[in-house]
Amino acid sequence: MKSITKALLLLSAAIAPIRASDIPASEMLYIGSFYGGFDGSSDVTVMCGINNYQKGLILTAEYFNTQYGTRFMVQTVDIDDNLDRTKKRLKFPLLFKGNMFKTGLTIDMYIGSKNKPLWENKFTIYPKFSETINTKNYIKKQYVIKDTILTYTNLPEWVDSESYDFTNTLDIISNDKNNALEIMEINFSHYPLIDNLDNNGSCYLVIKDQYDIYKNIDKIETNKIKIPVNIKRNDKIYCFEFKNEMYVNPNNLQMSFRQIDGFIKTSNFYVPLGKLDSLQDSEIYFELNKIGMNDTTVKMPLSFVNGRNLFGACYNSTYCIEGEVKK
């Protein structure tokens, strides 16, 4: 049961005797999942783990308009009534509905009394920030969206920012010995680590087919073909895989998204025979729509390089080893 007072109220609750020194103050309450970004259309129910709990404690959340620093609401949560004791989990709402100001919402949360809190955490949250970015602008720095999410790290702190790291991301795409495009080699990092990074949107490998390399695939916009892909988490990095089964003519490696006589199913996407040079002159990029916790759209430009000439002698390769790596 919770008690919410929309006014400047002070908490008055009976607290069971407990010594603050018995509890690691920074680790008493920790958020148990990933939340955000927030648009203020609804309250958000969070699940937290709780350590060293004793009966009779109250969680208080004071809400402030960040721009003016004014407190406009106090929320109290009776921990006894909201605690799953078997799992040591506390569930309670954060009252974001109608309170997510463009200028920010600051929440001061504490367990115990304000003067001598057993645990306290203060954070500021801004509304979801959905932006379109180009990875070319982030080859030397991370893309960071500050103060829009809530989660917990292995450190004793709540995390409120989302970030992408493209600094080690390949900007080339090549073919293997069978002429299949190798998209798994292209990867990036995201923090915090979450599964289903592309759960809210759609992602594609886009080829501007100006030379009509792929005759059996319908074009959109200006001669573009869009091949659906998934973003797959592999430990601490994110890479790509083709989303759907496709069809290929085994005689000339022409591709199709639908069944055609003589074509066979494949999970690869091939460069048709004799078309390597044409693809090298084509615009290619990943289009990642509404990914992550803030629905970020990412354009990831790529250059096609014939994989057979990718590594080798310096006179005939993109990368060579001759005492050092050269480009």
C-alpha atoms as a PDB file:
ATOM      1  CA  MET A   1       0.000   0.000   0.000  1.00  0.00           C
ATOM      2  CA  LYS A   2       1.298   3.441  -0.825  1.00  0.00           C
ATOM      3  CA  SER A   3       0.382   6.893   0.362  1.00  0.00           C
ATOM      4  CA  ILE A   4       0.852   9.859  -1.957  1.00  0.00           C
ATOM      5  CA  THR A   5       0.349  13.488  -0.927  1.00  0.00           C
ATOM      6  CA  LYS A   6       0.412  16.168  -3.639  1.00  0.00           C
ATOM      7  CA  ALA A   7       1.692  18.935  -1.423  1.00  0.00           C
ATOM      8  CA  LEU A   8       4.754  19.773   0.570  1.00  0.00           C
ATOM      9  CA  LEU A   9       4.330  17.083   3.205  1.00  0.00           C
ATOM     10  CA  LEU A  10       6.822  15.669   5.637  1.00  0.00           C
ATOM     11  CA  LEU A  11       7.045  11.953   6.300  1.00  0.00           C
ATOM     12  CA  SER A  12       6.045  10.825   9.761  1.00  0.00           C
ATOM     13  CA  ALA A  13       6.370   7.075  10.204  1.00  0.00           C
ATOM     14  CA  ALA A  14       7.358   4.654  12.916  1.00  0.00           C
ATOM     15  CA  ILE A  15      10.723   3.130  12.105  1.00  0.00           C
ATOM     16  CA  ALA A  16      11.799  -0.101  13.726  1.00  0.00           C
ATOM     17  CA  PRO A  17      15.040   0.239  15.693  1.00  0.00           C
ATOM     18  CA  ILE A  18      17.962  -0.348  13.367  1.00  0.00           C
ATOM     19  CA  ARG A  19      21.502   0.884  13.261  1.00  0.00           C
ATOM     20  CA  ALA A  20      22.616   2.595  10.052  1.00  0.00           C
ATOM     21  CA  SER A  21      26.024   0.991  10.461  1.00  0.00           C
ATOM     22  CA  ASP A  22      24.398  -2.439  10.020  1.00  0.00           C
ATOM     23  CA  ILE A  23      23.550  -1.659   6.381  1.00  0.00           C
ATOM     24  CA  PRO A  24      25.906  -0.759   3.517  1.00  0.00           C
ATOM     25  CA  ALA A  25      24.142   2.493   2.687  1.00  0.00           C
ATOM     26  CA  SER A  26      25.022   2.473  -1.001  1.00  0.00           C
ATOM     27  CA  GLU A  27      23.837  -1.101  -1.558  1.00  0.00           C
ATOM     28  CA  MET A  28      20.636  -1.402   0.472  1.00  0.00           C
ATOM     29  CA  LEU A  29      18.300  -0.838  -2.507  1.00  0.00           C
ATOM     30  CA  TYR A  30      19.302  -1.645  -6.083  1.00  0.00           C
ATOM     31  CA  ILE A  31      17.232  -1.545  -9.231  1.00  0.00           C
ATOM     32  CA  GLY A  32      16.647  -4.985 -10.722  1.00  0.00           C
ATOM     33  CA  SER A  33      16.141  -4.318 -14.436  1.00  0.00           C
ATOM     34  CA  PHE A  34      16.312  -1.690 -17.203  1.00  0.00           C
ATOM     35  CA  TYR A  35      13.801   1.129 -17.436  1.00  0.00           C
ATOM     36  CA  GLY A  36      13.435   3.983 -19.930  1.00  0.00           C
ATOM     37  CA  GLY A  37      13.294   6.118 -21.823  1.00  0.00           C
ATOM     38  CA  PHE A  38      10.264   7.780 -20.307  1.00  0.00           C
ATOM     39  CA  ASP A  39       7.693   9.934 -22.088  1.00  0.00           C
ATOM     40  CA  GLY A  40       5.532  10.820 -19.095  1.00  0.00           C
ATOM     41  CA  SER A  41       2.449   9.049 -20.446  1.00  0.00           C
ATOM     42  CA  SER A  42       2.313   6.531 -17.610  1.00  0.00           C
ATOM     43  CA  ASP A  43       3.751   5.662 -14.224  1.00  0.00           C
ATOM     44  CA  VAL A  44       6.580   3.135 -14.197  1.00  0.00           C
ATOM     45  CA  THR A  45       6.569   0.169 -11.845  1.00  0.00           C
ATOM     46  CA  VAL A  46      10.124  -0.705 -10.850  1.00  0.00           C
ATOM     47  CA  MET A  47      11.435  -3.843  -9.199  1.00  0.00           C
ATOM     48  CA  CYS A  48      14.288  -3.453  -6.742  1.00  0.00           C
ATOM     49  CA  GLY A  49      16.367  -5.823  -4.689  1.00  0.00           C
ATOM     50  CA  ILE A  50      16.746  -4.998  -1.029  1.00  0.00           C
ATOM     51  CA  ASN A  51      19.484  -5.993   1.397  1.00  0.00           C
ATOM     52  CA  ASN A  52      19.476  -6.223   5.204  1.00  0.00           C
ATOM     53  CA  TYR A  53      15.792  -5.458   5.507  1.00  0.00           C
ATOM     54  CA  GLN A  54      14.056  -5.147   8.861  1.00  0.00           C
ATOM     55  CA  LYS A  55      10.336  -4.772   9.465  1.00  0.00           C
ATOM     56  CA  GLY A  56       8.758  -1.342   9.701  1.00  0.00           C
ATOM     57  CA  LEU A  57      10.778   0.611   7.128  1.00  0.00           C
ATOM     58  CA  ILE A  58       9.282   3.244   4.832  1.00  0.00           C
ATOM     59  CA  LEU A  59      10.582   4.298   1.398  1.00  0.00           C
ATOM     60  CA  THR A  60      10.047   7.966   0.606  1.00  0.00           C
ATOM     61  CA  ALA A  61      10.376   9.653  -2.806  1.00  0.00           C
ATOM     62  CA  GLU A  62      10.360  13.440  -3.006  1.00  0.00           C
ATOM     63  CA  TYR A  63       9.660  14.859  -6.487  1.00  0.00           C
ATOM     64  CA  PHE A  64      11.167  18.150  -7.654  1.00  0.00           C
ATOM     65  CA  ASN A  65      10.772  20.307 -10.742  1.00  0.00           C
ATOM     66  CA  THR A  66      14.413  20.329 -11.841  1.00  0.00           C
ATOM     67  CA  GLN A  67      14.268  23.757 -13.483  1.00  0.00           C
ATOM     68  CA  TYR A  68      13.060  25.567 -10.383  1.00  0.00           C
ATOM     69  CA  GLY A  69      14.188  23.147  -7.674  1.00  0.00           C
ATOM     70  CA  THR A  70      10.701  23.132  -6.155  1.00  0.00           C
ATOM     71  CA  ARG A  71       9.289  20.045  -4.475  1.00  0.00           C
ATOM     72  CA  PHE A  72       5.736  19.362  -5.616  1.00  0.00           C
ATOM     73  CA  MET A  73       4.982  15.838  -4.397  1.00  0.00           C
ATOM     74  CA  VAL A  74       5.953  13.309  -1.745  1.00  0.00           C
ATOM     75  CA  GLN A  75       5.349   9.595  -2.191  1.00  0.00           C
ATOM     76  CA  THR A  76       5.639   7.079   0.622  1.00  0.00           C
ATOM     77  CA  VAL A  77       5.794   3.321   0.209  1.00  0.00           C
ATOM     78  CA  ASP A  78       5.278   0.916   3.098  1.00  0.00           C
ATOM     79  CA  ILE A  79       7.993  -1.627   2.352  1.00  0.00           C
ATOM     80  CA  ASP A  80       6.282  -4.357   4.376  1.00  0.00           C
ATOM     81  CA  ASP A  81       3.199  -4.177   2.138  1.00  0.00           C
ATOM     82  CA  ASN A  82       5.167  -4.193  -1.129  1.00  0.00           C
ATOM     83  CA  LEU A  83       7.937  -6.674  -0.377  1.00  0.00           C
ATOM     84  CA  ASP A  84       8.273 -10.185  -1.778  1.00  0.00           C
ATOM     85  CA  ARG A  85      10.236 -11.624   1.123  1.00  0.00           C
ATOM     86  CA  THR A  86      11.105 -14.913  -0.584  1.00  0.00           C
ATOM     87  CA  LYS A  87      12.902 -13.126  -3.402  1.00  0.00           C
ATOM     88  CA  LYS A  88      13.885 -10.014  -1.429  1.00  0.00           C
ATOM     89  CA  ARG A  89      12.243  -7.866  -4.096  1.00  0.00           C
ATOM     90  CA  LEU A  90      10.454  -4.558  -3.585  1.00  0.00           C
ATOM     91  CA  LYS A  91       7.968  -3.373  -6.219  1.00  0.00           C
ATOM     92  CA  PHE A  92       6.671   0.190  -6.319  1.00  0.00           C
ATOM     93  CA  PRO A  93       5.671   2.839  -8.900  1.00  0.00           C
ATOM     94  CA  LEU A  94       7.620   5.898  -9.924  1.00  0.00           C
ATOM     95  CA  LEU A  95       4.997   8.579 -10.551  1.00  0.00           C
ATOM     96  CA  PHE A  96       6.086   9.820 -13.980  1.00  0.00           C
ATOM     97  CA  LYS A  97       2.617  10.250 -15.500  1.00  0.00           C
ATOM     98  CA  GLY A  98       2.051  13.952 -16.110  1.00  0.00           C
ATOM     99  CA  ASN A  99       5.213  14.812 -14.192  1.00  0.00           C
ATOM    100  CA  MET A 100       7.939  14.280 -16.805  1.00  0.00           C
ATOM    101  CA  PHE A 101       8.876  17.895 -17.437  1.00  0.00           C
ATOM    102  CA  LYS A 102      10.927  18.844 -20.493  1.00  0.00           C
ATOM    103  CA  THR A 103      13.301  20.578 -18.113  1.00  0.00           C
ATOM    104  CA  GLY A 104      13.717  17.433 -16.010  1.00  0.00           C
ATOM    105  CA  LEU A 105      12.300  15.634 -13.002  1.00  0.00           C
ATOM    106  CA  THR A 106      14.491  15.155  -9.927  1.00  0.00           C
ATOM    107  CA  ILE A 107      13.678  12.451  -7.385  1.00  0.00           C
ATOM    108  CA  ASP A 108      15.232  12.180  -3.936  1.00  0.00           C
ATOM    109  CA  MET A 109      14.581   8.684  -2.545  1.00  0.00           C
ATOM    110  CA  TYR A 110      15.469   7.485   0.916  1.00  0.00           C
ATOM    111  CA  ILE A 111      14.700   4.775   3.439  1.00  0.00           C
ATOM    112  CA  GLY A 112      14.375   5.809   7.064  1.00  0.00           C
ATOM    113  CA  SER A 113      14.253   9.436   8.118  1.00  0.00           C
ATOM    114  CA  LYS A 114      15.365  12.391   6.005  1.00  0.00           C
ATOM    115  CA  ASN A 115      17.824  13.532   8.670  1.00  0.00           C
ATOM    116  CA  LYS A 116      19.396  10.076   9.124  1.00  0.00           C
ATOM    117  CA  PRO A 117      18.576   7.991   6.066  1.00  0.00           C
ATOM    118  CA  LEU A 118      19.610   4.340   6.053  1.00  0.00           C
ATOM    119  CA  TRP A 119      19.795   4.540   2.266  1.00  0.00           C
ATOM    120  CA  GLU A 120      19.445   7.476  -0.114  1.00  0.00           C
ATOM    121  CA  ASN A 121      19.689   8.060  -3.831  1.00  0.00           C
ATOM    122  CA  LYS A 122      18.996  11.226  -5.803  1.00  0.00           C
ATOM    123  CA  PHE A 123      18.731  11.313  -9.576  1.00  0.00           C
ATOM    124  CA  THR A 124      17.407  13.502 -12.386  1.00  0.00           C
ATOM    125  CA  ILE A 125      15.502  12.116 -15.353  1.00  0.00           C
ATOM    126  CA  TYR A 126      14.656  13.847 -18.643  1.00  0.00           C
ATOM    127  CA  PRO A 127      12.100  12.691 -21.222  1.00  0.00           C
ATOM    128  CA  LYS A 128      13.033  10.138 -23.876  1.00  0.00           C
ATOM    129  CA  PHE A 129      15.456  11.658 -26.384  1.00  0.00           C
ATOM    130  CA  SER A 130      15.089  10.107 -29.848  1.00  0.00           C
ATOM    131  CA  GLU A 131      17.684  11.358 -32.323  1.00  0.00           C
ATOM    132  CA  THR A 132      19.043  10.322 -35.723  1.00  0.00           C
ATOM    133  CA  ILE A 133      22.824   9.974 -35.782  1.00  0.00           C
ATOM    134  CA  ASN A 134      25.534   9.060 -38.286  1.00  0.00           C
ATOM    135  CA  THR A 135      28.345   6.848 -37.005  1.00  0.00           C
ATOM    136  CA  LYS A 136      30.859   8.903 -39.001  1.00  0.00           C
ATOM    137  CA  ASN A 137      30.453  11.565 -36.322  1.00  0.00           C
ATOM    138  CA  TYR A 138      31.315   9.111 -33.545  1.00  0.00           C
ATOM    139  CA  ILE A 139      34.512   7.409 -34.630  1.00  0.00           C
ATOM    140  CA  LYS A 140      36.531   9.097 -31.856  1.00  0.00           C
ATOM    141  CA  LYS A 141      33.917   9.520 -29.147  1.00  0.00           C
ATOM    142  CA  GLN A 142      30.907   7.704 -27.779  1.00  0.00           C
ATOM    143  CA  TYR A 143      27.334   8.764 -28.369  1.00  0.00           C
ATOM    144  CA  VAL A 144      25.804   9.335 -24.925  1.00  0.00           C
ATOM    145  CA  ILE A 145      22.181  10.076 -24.013  1.00  0.00           C
ATOM    146  CA  LYS A 146      22.309  11.395 -20.466  1.00  0.00           C
ATOM    147  CA  ASP A 147      19.686  11.131 -17.728  1.00  0.00           C
ATOM    148  CA  THR A 148      16.976   9.245 -19.613  1.00  0.00           C
ATOM    149  CA  ILE A 149      17.075   5.689 -18.221  1.00  0.00           C
ATOM    150  CA  LEU A 150      17.338   3.807 -14.948  1.00  0.00           C
ATOM    151  CA  THR A 151      19.311   0.662 -14.254  1.00  0.00           C
ATOM    152  CA  TYR A 152      21.983  -0.672 -11.893  1.00  0.00           C
ATOM    153  CA  THR A 153      25.573  -1.740 -12.441  1.00  0.00           C
ATOM    154  CA  ASN A 154      27.814  -4.034 -10.451  1.00  0.00           C
ATOM    155  CA  LEU A 155      28.968  -0.841  -8.787  1.00  0.00           C
ATOM    156  CA  PRO A 156      26.880   0.494  -5.902  1.00  0.00           C
ATOM    157  CA  GLU A 157      25.106   3.095  -8.012  1.00  0.00           C
ATOM    158  CA  TRP A 158      22.083   3.608 -10.209  1.00  0.00           C
ATOM    159  CA  VAL A 159      22.853   4.404 -13.831  1.00  0.00           C
ATOM    160  CA  ASP A 160      20.794   6.972 -15.728  1.00  0.00           C
ATOM    161  CA  SER A 161      22.541   7.274 -19.124  1.00  0.00           C
ATOM    162  CA  GLU A 162      22.579   5.222 -22.322  1.00  0.00           C
ATOM    163  CA  SER A 163      25.603   5.130 -24.633  1.00  0.00           C
ATOM    164  CA  TYR A 164      26.801   3.693 -27.947  1.00  0.00           C
ATOM    165  CA  ASP A 165      30.425   3.034 -28.827  1.00  0.00           C
ATOM    166  CA  PHE A 166      31.294   2.923 -32.545  1.00  0.00           C
ATOM    167  CA  THR A 167      34.971   3.797 -32.102  1.00  0.00           C
ATOM    168  CA  ASN A 168      36.094   0.266 -33.014  1.00  0.00           C
ATOM    169  CA  THR A 169      33.365  -0.426 -35.564  1.00  0.00           C
ATOM    170  CA  LEU A 170      34.500  -1.496 -39.030  1.00  0.00           C
ATOM    171  CA  ASP A 171      33.338   0.836 -41.767  1.00  0.00           C
ATOM    172  CA  ILE A 172      33.873  -1.752 -44.503  1.00  0.00           C
ATOM    173  CA  ILE A 173      31.883  -4.758 -45.592  1.00  0.00           C
ATOM    174  CA  SER A 174      33.407  -7.610 -47.575  1.00  0.00           C
ATOM    175  CA  ASN A 175      32.536 -10.941 -49.146  1.00  0.00           C
ATOM    176  CA  ASP A 176      33.720 -14.391 -48.154  1.00  0.00           C
ATOM    177  CA  LYS A 177      35.188 -16.987 -50.508  1.00  0.00           C
ATOM    178  CA  ASN A 178      31.665 -17.912 -51.656  1.00  0.00           C
ATOM    179  CA  ASN A 179      30.758 -14.266 -52.404  1.00  0.00           C
ATOM    180  CA  ALA A 180      28.429 -13.956 -49.399  1.00  0.00           C
ATOM    181  CA  LEU A 181      28.447 -10.603 -47.585  1.00  0.00           C
ATOM    182  CA  GLU A 182      30.053 -10.890 -44.145  1.00  0.00           C
ATOM    183  CA  ILE A 183      27.959  -8.663 -41.903  1.00  0.00           C
ATOM    184  CA  MET A 184      28.842 -10.492 -38.668  1.00  0.00           C
ATOM    185  CA  GLU A 185      32.256  -8.816 -38.713  1.00  0.00           C
ATOM    186  CA  ILE A 186      30.667  -5.408 -38.110  1.00  0.00           C
ATOM    187  CA  ASN A 187      29.875  -4.749 -34.466  1.00  0.00           C
ATOM    188  CA  PHE A 188      29.502  -2.039 -31.847  1.00  0.00           C
ATOM    189  CA  SER A 189      28.984  -1.650 -28.111  1.00  0.00           C
ATOM    190  CA  HIS A 190      26.014  -0.408 -26.122  1.00  0.00           C
ATOM    191  CA  TYR A 191      25.722   0.417 -22.453  1.00  0.00           C
ATOM    192  CA  PRO A 192      23.978  -0.867 -20.470  1.00  0.00           C
ATOM    193  CA  LEU A 193      24.061  -4.401 -21.865  1.00  0.00           C
ATOM    194  CA  ILE A 194      20.515  -5.384 -22.825  1.00  0.00           C
ATOM    195  CA  ASP A 195      19.006  -8.050 -25.029  1.00  0.00           C
ATOM    196  CA  ASN A 196      16.666  -7.186 -27.911  1.00  0.00           C
ATOM    197  CA  LEU A 197      18.304  -3.857 -28.648  1.00  0.00           C
ATOM    198  CA  ASP A 198      16.225  -3.589 -31.835  1.00  0.00           C
ATOM    199  CA  ASN A 199      12.969  -4.691 -30.232  1.00  0.00           C
ATOM    200  CA  ASN A 200      11.083  -1.440 -30.936  1.00  0.00           C
ATOM    201  CA  GLY A 201      12.101  -0.813 -34.523  1.00  0.00           C
ATOM    202  CA  SER A 202      13.288  -2.266 -37.809  1.00  0.00           C
ATOM    203  CA  CYS A 203      16.830  -2.550 -39.137  1.00  0.00           C
ATOM    204  CA  TYR A 204      18.178  -2.968 -42.651  1.00  0.00           C
ATOM    205  CA  LEU A 205      21.289  -3.308 -44.735  1.00  0.00           C
ATOM    206  CA  VAL A 206      20.661  -0.776 -47.494  1.00  0.00           C
ATOM    207  CA  ILE A 207      22.302  -0.930 -50.935  1.00  0.00           C
ATOM    208  CA  LYS A 208      21.810   1.828 -53.469  1.00  0.00           C
ATOM    209  CA  ASP A 209      21.704  -0.411 -56.521  1.00  0.00           C
ATOM    210  CA  GLN A 210      22.546   2.176 -59.159  1.00  0.00           C
ATOM    211  CA  TYR A 211      23.900  -0.447 -61.563  1.00  0.00           C
ATOM    212  CA  ASP A 212      20.906  -2.806 -61.179  1.00  0.00           C
ATOM    213  CA  ILE A 213      23.074  -5.563 -59.744  1.00  0.00           C
ATOM    214  CA  TYR A 214      20.083  -7.255 -58.121  1.00  0.00           C
ATOM    215  CA  LYS A 215      17.554  -7.664 -60.909  1.00  0.00           C
ATOM    216  CA  ASN A 216      15.073  -9.795 -58.952  1.00  0.00           C
ATOM    217  CA  ILE A 217      14.698  -7.538 -55.923  1.00  0.00           C
ATOM    218  CA  ASP A 218      12.190  -4.699 -55.987  1.00  0.00           C
ATOM    219  CA  LYS A 219      13.726  -1.258 -55.569  1.00  0.00           C
ATOM    220  CA  ILE A 220      12.398   1.524 -53.340  1.00  0.00           C
ATOM    221  CA  GLU A 221      13.054   5.262 -53.352  1.00  0.00           C
ATOM    222  CA  THR A 222      16.048   5.849 -55.629  1.00  0.00           C
ATOM    223  CA  ASN A 223      17.137   2.337 -56.656  1.00  0.00           C
ATOM    224  CA  LYS A 224      17.566   1.223 -53.046  1.00  0.00           C
ATOM    225  CA  ILE A 225      17.138  -2.309 -51.776  1.00  0.00           C
ATOM    226  CA  LYS A 226      16.618  -2.904 -48.064  1.00  0.00           C
ATOM    227  CA  ILE A 227      17.614  -6.255 -46.590  1.00  0.00           C
ATOM    228  CA  PRO A 228      16.106  -6.840 -43.106  1.00  0.00           C
ATOM    229  CA  VAL A 229      18.658  -7.600 -40.388  1.00  0.00           C
ATOM    230  CA  ASN A 230      18.601  -8.332 -36.665  1.00  0.00           C
ATOM    231  CA  ILE A 231      20.937  -6.899 -34.064  1.00  0.00           C
ATOM    232  CA  LYS A 232      22.334  -9.806 -32.067  1.00  0.00           C
ATOM    233  CA  ARG A 233      24.022  -9.523 -28.698  1.00  0.00           C
ATOM    234  CA  ASN A 234      27.236 -11.530 -28.465  1.00  0.00           C
ATOM    235  CA  ASP A 235      28.522 -11.195 -24.903  1.00  0.00           C
ATOM    236  CA  LYS A 236      29.502  -7.513 -24.638  1.00  0.00           C
ATOM    237  CA  ILE A 237      29.169  -6.520 -28.284  1.00  0.00           C
ATOM    238  CA  TYR A 238      26.328  -6.269 -30.785  1.00  0.00           C
ATOM    239  CA  CYS A 239      26.608  -7.627 -34.298  1.00  0.00           C
ATOM    240  CA  PHE A 240      24.281  -8.270 -37.231  1.00  0.00           C
ATOM    241  CA  GLU A 241      22.590 -11.216 -38.880  1.00  0.00           C
ATOM    242  CA  PHE A 242      20.143 -11.411 -41.751  1.00  0.00           C
ATOM    243  CA  LYS A 243      16.611 -11.593 -40.424  1.00  0.00           C
ATOM    244  CA  ASN A 244      14.835 -13.651 -43.079  1.00  0.00           C
ATOM    245  CA  GLU A 245      15.556 -16.594 -45.316  1.00  0.00           C
ATOM    246  CA  MET A 246      16.163 -15.515 -48.896  1.00  0.00           C
ATOM    247  CA  TYR A 247      16.646 -17.227 -52.240  1.00  0.00           C
ATOM    248  CA  VAL A 248      19.675 -17.468 -54.504  1.00  0.00           C
ATOM    249  CA  ASN A 249      20.305 -18.737 -58.006  1.00  0.00           C
ATOM    250  CA  PRO A 250      23.242 -21.149 -57.498  1.00  0.00           C
ATOM    251  CA  ASN A 251      24.418 -20.605 -61.074  1.00  0.00           C
ATOM    252  CA  ASN A 252      24.981 -16.838 -60.975  1.00  0.00           C
ATOM    253  CA  LEU A 253      24.306 -15.910 -57.292  1.00  0.00           C
ATOM    254  CA  GLN A 254      21.439 -13.571 -58.179  1.00  0.00           C
ATOM    255  CA  MET A 255      19.286 -12.940 -55.091  1.00  0.00           C
ATOM    256  CA  SER A 256      15.529 -12.811 -54.501  1.00  0.00           C
ATOM    257  CA  PHE A 257      13.306 -12.249 -51.468  1.00  0.00           C
ATOM    258  CA  ARG A 258      10.674 -14.631 -52.854  1.00  0.00           C
ATOM    259  CA  GLN A 259      10.709 -18.106 -54.380  1.00  0.00           C
ATOM    260  CA  ILE A 260      11.661 -18.265 -58.067  1.00  0.00           C
ATOM    261  CA  ASP A 261      12.092 -21.409 -60.137  1.00  0.00           C
ATOM    262  CA  GLY A 262      15.695 -22.598 -59.940  1.00  0.00           C
ATOM    263  CA  PHE A 263      16.457 -20.533 -56.800  1.00  0.00           C
ATOM    264  CA  ILE A 264      17.242 -22.220 -53.473  1.00  0.00           C
ATOM    265  CA  LYS A 265      16.780 -21.057 -49.873  1.00  0.00           C
ATOM    266  CA  THR A 266      19.683 -19.358 -48.129  1.00  0.00           C
ATOM    267  CA  SER A 267      20.386 -17.393 -44.973  1.00  0.00           C
ATOM    268  CA  ASN A 268      23.193 -15.518 -46.756  1.00  0.00           C
ATOM    269  CA  PHE A 269      23.124 -12.547 -49.089  1.00  0.00           C
ATOM    270  CA  TYR A 270      25.424 -12.972 -52.083  1.00  0.00           C
ATOM    271  CA  VAL A 271      27.165 -10.683 -54.535  1.00  0.00           C
ATOM    272  CA  PRO A 272      26.213 -11.911 -58.025  1.00  0.00           C
ATOM    273  CA  LEU A 273      29.053 -13.281 -60.121  1.00  0.00           C
ATOM    274  CA  GLY A 274      30.876 -10.586 -62.033  1.00  0.00           C
ATOM    275  CA  LYS A 275      29.362  -7.754 -59.982  1.00  0.00           C
ATOM    276  CA  LEU A 276      32.060  -7.157 -57.373  1.00  0.00           C
ATOM    277  CA  ASP A 277      33.361  -4.000 -59.020  1.00  0.00           C
ATOM    278  CA  SER A 278      29.866  -2.570 -59.415  1.00  0.00           C
ATOM    279  CA  LEU A 279      29.066  -3.125 -55.757  1.00  0.00           C
ATOM    280  CA  GLN A 280      32.309  -1.451 -54.798  1.00  0.00           C
ATOM    281  CA  ASP A 281      30.998   1.777 -56.343  1.00  0.00           C
ATOM    282  CA  SER A 282      27.570   1.521 -54.660  1.00  0.00           C
ATOM    283  CA  GLU A 283      26.403   3.329 -51.540  1.00  0.00           C
ATOM    284  CA  ILE A 284      25.948   0.823 -48.682  1.00  0.00           C
ATOM    285  CA  TYR A 285      24.925   1.403 -45.082  1.00  0.00           C
ATOM    286  CA  PHE A 286      23.080  -0.030 -42.111  1.00  0.00           C
ATOM    287  CA  GLU A 287      19.839   1.743 -41.254  1.00  0.00           C
ATOM    288  CA  LEU A 288      18.911   1.046 -37.626  1.00  0.00           C
ATOM    289  CA  ASN A 289      15.496   2.465 -36.780  1.00  0.00           C
ATOM    290  CA  LYS A 290      14.386   3.127 -33.196  1.00  0.00           C
ATOM    291  CA  ILE A 291      16.930   0.999 -31.375  1.00  0.00           C
ATOM    292  CA  GLY A 292      17.903   1.047 -27.729  1.00  0.00           C
ATOM    293  CA  MET A 293      16.045   2.567 -24.815  1.00  0.00           C
ATOM    294  CA  ASN A 294      15.572   5.994 -26.406  1.00  0.00           C
ATOM    295  CA  ASP A 295      14.529   4.783 -29.881  1.00  0.00           C
ATOM    296  CA  THR A 296      17.679   6.085 -31.553  1.00  0.00           C
ATOM    297  CA  THR A 297      17.964   5.909 -35.351  1.00  0.00           C
ATOM    298  CA  VAL A 298      21.460   5.149 -36.622  1.00  0.00           C
ATOM    299  CA  LYS A 299      22.970   5.401 -40.101  1.00  0.00           C
ATOM    300  CA  MET A 300      26.159   3.357 -40.367  1.00  0.00           C
ATOM    301  CA  PRO A 301      27.922   4.078 -43.712  1.00  0.00           C
ATOM    302  CA  LEU A 302      29.998   1.247 -45.191  1.00  0.00           C
ATOM    303  CA  SER A 303      32.356   0.730 -48.092  1.00  0.00           C
ATOM    304  CA  PHE A 304      32.403  -2.569 -49.946  1.00  0.00           C
ATOM    305  CA  VAL A 305      35.824  -4.150 -50.360  1.00  0.00           C
ATOM    306  CA  ASN A 306      36.424  -7.379 -52.256  1.00  0.00           C
ATOM    307  CA  GLY A 307      37.304  -9.829 -49.495  1.00  0.00           C
ATOM    308  CA  ARG A 308      39.812 -11.602 -51.684  1.00  0.00           C
ATOM    309  CA  ASN A 309      41.783  -8.373 -51.849  1.00  0.00           C
ATOM    310  CA  LEU A 310      41.207  -7.280 -48.274  1.00  0.00           C
ATOM    311  CA  PHE A 311      44.424  -8.723 -46.820  1.00  0.00           C
ATOM    312  CA  GLY A 312      47.516  -9.580 -48.786  1.00  0.00           C
ATOM    313  CA  ALA A 313      50.385  -7.935 -50.593  1.00  0.00           C
ATOM    314  CA  CYS A 314      50.478  -4.180 -50.079  1.00  0.00           C
ATOM    315  CA  TYR A 315      50.258  -3.394 -53.787  1.00  0.00           C
ATOM    316  CA  ASN A 316      46.918  -5.211 -54.081  1.00  0.00           C
ATOM    317  CA  SER A 317      45.209  -4.954 -50.664  1.00  0.00           C
ATOM    318  CA  THR A 318      43.227  -2.615 -48.450  1.00  0.00           C
ATOM    319  CA  TYR A 319      45.177  -3.746 -45.384  1.00  0.00           C
ATOM    320  CA  CYS A 320      48.659  -5.260 -45.436  1.00  0.00           C
ATOM    321  CA  ILE A 321      51.230  -6.323 -42.896  1.00  0.00           C
ATOM    322  CA  GLU A 322      54.768  -5.231 -43.571  1.00  0.00           C
ATOM    323  CA  GLY A 323      56.321  -4.476 -40.241  1.00  0.00           C
ATOM    324  CA  GLU A 324      53.072  -2.718 -39.283  1.00  0.00           C
ATOM    325  CA  VAL A 325      49.463  -2.540 -40.384  1.00  0.00           C
ATOM    326  CA  LYS A 326      48.993  -0.040 -43.196  1.00  0.00           C
ATOM    327  CA  LYS A 327      45.904   1.334 -44.841  1.00  0.00           C
END
